[in-house]
């Protein structure tokens, strides 16, 4: 992990895993939604490493916001 986006997206992914086990009912539908957020974090990592700082931040915020919406549902 050499860049800011590596650290940030891995931290977000770990938070997704903790949220899944801690705050949800652990059903398949919720897991699929969290997988979508994880994919967004992976894309944000690649975009950020390629040099598009603002787009990567927007993707990270969108993935985190989506995960929060899923947990609150």
C-alpha atoms as a PDB file:
ATOM      1  CA  UNK A   1       0.000   0.000   0.000  1.00  0.00           C
ATOM      2  CA  UNK A   2       1.894   2.930  -1.285  1.00  0.00           C
ATOM      3  CA  UNK A   3      -0.651   5.625  -2.097  1.00  0.00           C
ATOM      4  CA  UNK A   4      -3.304   7.499  -0.185  1.00  0.00           C
ATOM      5  CA  UNK A   5      -6.011   5.775  -2.190  1.00  0.00           C
ATOM      6  CA  UNK A   6      -4.689   2.321  -1.334  1.00  0.00           C
ATOM      7  CA  UNK A   7      -4.932   3.060   2.379  1.00  0.00           C
ATOM      8  CA  UNK A   8      -8.262   4.863   2.114  1.00  0.00           C
ATOM      9  CA  UNK A   9     -10.060   2.254   0.027  1.00  0.00           C
ATOM     10  CA  UNK A  10      -8.750  -0.703   2.030  1.00  0.00           C
ATOM     11  CA  UNK A  11      -9.917   1.053   5.202  1.00  0.00           C
ATOM     12  CA  UNK A  12     -13.355   1.558   3.647  1.00  0.00           C
ATOM     13  CA  UNK A  13     -13.480  -2.093   2.629  1.00  0.00           C
ATOM     14  CA  UNK A  14     -12.601  -3.208   6.167  1.00  0.00           C
ATOM     15  CA  UNK A  15     -15.353  -0.924   7.458  1.00  0.00           C
ATOM     16  CA  UNK A  16     -17.767  -2.625   5.035  1.00  0.00           C
ATOM     17  CA  UNK A  17     -16.864  -6.044   6.407  1.00  0.00           C
ATOM     18  CA  UNK A  18     -17.275  -4.889   9.993  1.00  0.00           C
ATOM     19  CA  UNK A  19     -20.598  -3.210   9.188  1.00  0.00           C
ATOM     20  CA  UNK A  20     -21.859  -6.350   7.473  1.00  0.00           C
ATOM     21  CA  UNK A  21     -21.170  -8.561  10.462  1.00  0.00           C
ATOM     22  CA  UNK A  22     -22.028  -6.034  13.136  1.00  0.00           C
ATOM     23  CA  UNK A  23     -25.018  -4.037  11.901  1.00  0.00           C
ATOM     24  CA  UNK A  24     -26.922  -6.214   9.406  1.00  0.00           C
ATOM     25  CA  UNK A  25     -28.871  -9.456   9.394  1.00  0.00           C
ATOM     26  CA  UNK A  26     -26.164 -11.110   7.244  1.00  0.00           C
ATOM     27  CA  UNK A  27     -28.450 -12.097   4.393  1.00  0.00           C
ATOM     28  CA  UNK A  28     -27.430 -12.560   0.765  1.00  0.00           C
ATOM     29  CA  UNK A  29     -29.216  -9.474  -0.490  1.00  0.00           C
ATOM     30  CA  UNK A  30     -27.298  -7.210   1.892  1.00  0.00           C
ATOM     31  CA  UNK A  31     -24.062  -8.952   0.944  1.00  0.00           C
ATOM     32  CA  UNK A  32     -24.703  -8.229  -2.734  1.00  0.00           C
ATOM     33  CA  UNK A  33     -25.276  -4.555  -1.967  1.00  0.00           C
ATOM     34  CA  UNK A  34     -22.060  -4.438   0.039  1.00  0.00           C
ATOM     35  CA  UNK A  35     -20.216  -6.167  -2.801  1.00  0.00           C
ATOM     36  CA  UNK A  36     -21.376  -3.361  -5.086  1.00  0.00           C
ATOM     37  CA  UNK A  37     -19.949  -0.791  -2.668  1.00  0.00           C
ATOM     38  CA  UNK A  38     -16.707  -2.813  -2.515  1.00  0.00           C
ATOM     39  CA  UNK A  39     -16.456  -2.751  -6.298  1.00  0.00           C
ATOM     40  CA  UNK A  40     -16.917   1.026  -6.235  1.00  0.00           C
ATOM     41  CA  UNK A  41     -14.038   1.263  -3.742  1.00  0.00           C
ATOM     42  CA  UNK A  42     -11.832  -0.874  -5.996  1.00  0.00           C
ATOM     43  CA  UNK A  43     -12.631   1.322  -8.998  1.00  0.00           C
ATOM     44  CA  UNK A  44     -11.974   4.440  -6.917  1.00  0.00           C
ATOM     45  CA  UNK A  45      -8.587   3.035  -5.949  1.00  0.00           C
ATOM     46  CA  UNK A  46      -7.615   2.454  -9.563  1.00  0.00           C
ATOM     47  CA  UNK A  47      -8.914   5.848 -10.660  1.00  0.00           C
ATOM     48  CA  UNK A  48      -7.080   7.578  -7.813  1.00  0.00           C
ATOM     49  CA  UNK A  49      -3.846   5.763  -8.559  1.00  0.00           C
ATOM     50  CA  UNK A  50      -4.190   6.805 -12.204  1.00  0.00           C
ATOM     51  CA  UNK A  51      -4.204  10.453 -11.142  1.00  0.00           C
ATOM     52  CA  UNK A  52      -7.835  11.521 -11.058  1.00  0.00           C
ATOM     53  CA  UNK A  53      -8.010  12.705  -7.447  1.00  0.00           C
ATOM     54  CA  UNK A  54     -11.459  14.318  -7.430  1.00  0.00           C
ATOM     55  CA  UNK A  55     -13.240  11.541  -9.305  1.00  0.00           C
ATOM     56  CA  UNK A  56     -11.774   9.003  -6.908  1.00  0.00           C
ATOM     57  CA  UNK A  57     -12.963  11.003  -3.911  1.00  0.00           C
ATOM     58  CA  UNK A  58     -16.451  11.253  -5.394  1.00  0.00           C
ATOM     59  CA  UNK A  59     -16.523   7.481  -5.921  1.00  0.00           C
ATOM     60  CA  UNK A  60     -15.337   6.814  -2.370  1.00  0.00           C
ATOM     61  CA  UNK A  61     -17.987   9.119  -0.932  1.00  0.00           C
ATOM     62  CA  UNK A  62     -20.657   7.548  -3.131  1.00  0.00           C
ATOM     63  CA  UNK A  63     -19.670   4.032  -2.049  1.00  0.00           C
ATOM     64  CA  UNK A  64     -19.607   4.989   1.619  1.00  0.00           C
ATOM     65  CA  UNK A  65     -22.941   6.781   1.339  1.00  0.00           C
ATOM     66  CA  UNK A  66     -24.506   3.796  -0.375  1.00  0.00           C
ATOM     67  CA  UNK A  67     -23.206   1.481   2.350  1.00  0.00           C
ATOM     68  CA  UNK A  68     -24.658   3.741   5.033  1.00  0.00           C
ATOM     69  CA  UNK A  69     -28.018   3.685   3.273  1.00  0.00           C
ATOM     70  CA  UNK A  70     -27.947  -0.118   3.152  1.00  0.00           C
ATOM     71  CA  UNK A  71     -27.086  -0.413   6.844  1.00  0.00           C
ATOM     72  CA  UNK A  72     -29.851   2.005   7.863  1.00  0.00           C
ATOM     73  CA  UNK A  73     -32.466   0.172   5.786  1.00  0.00           C
END
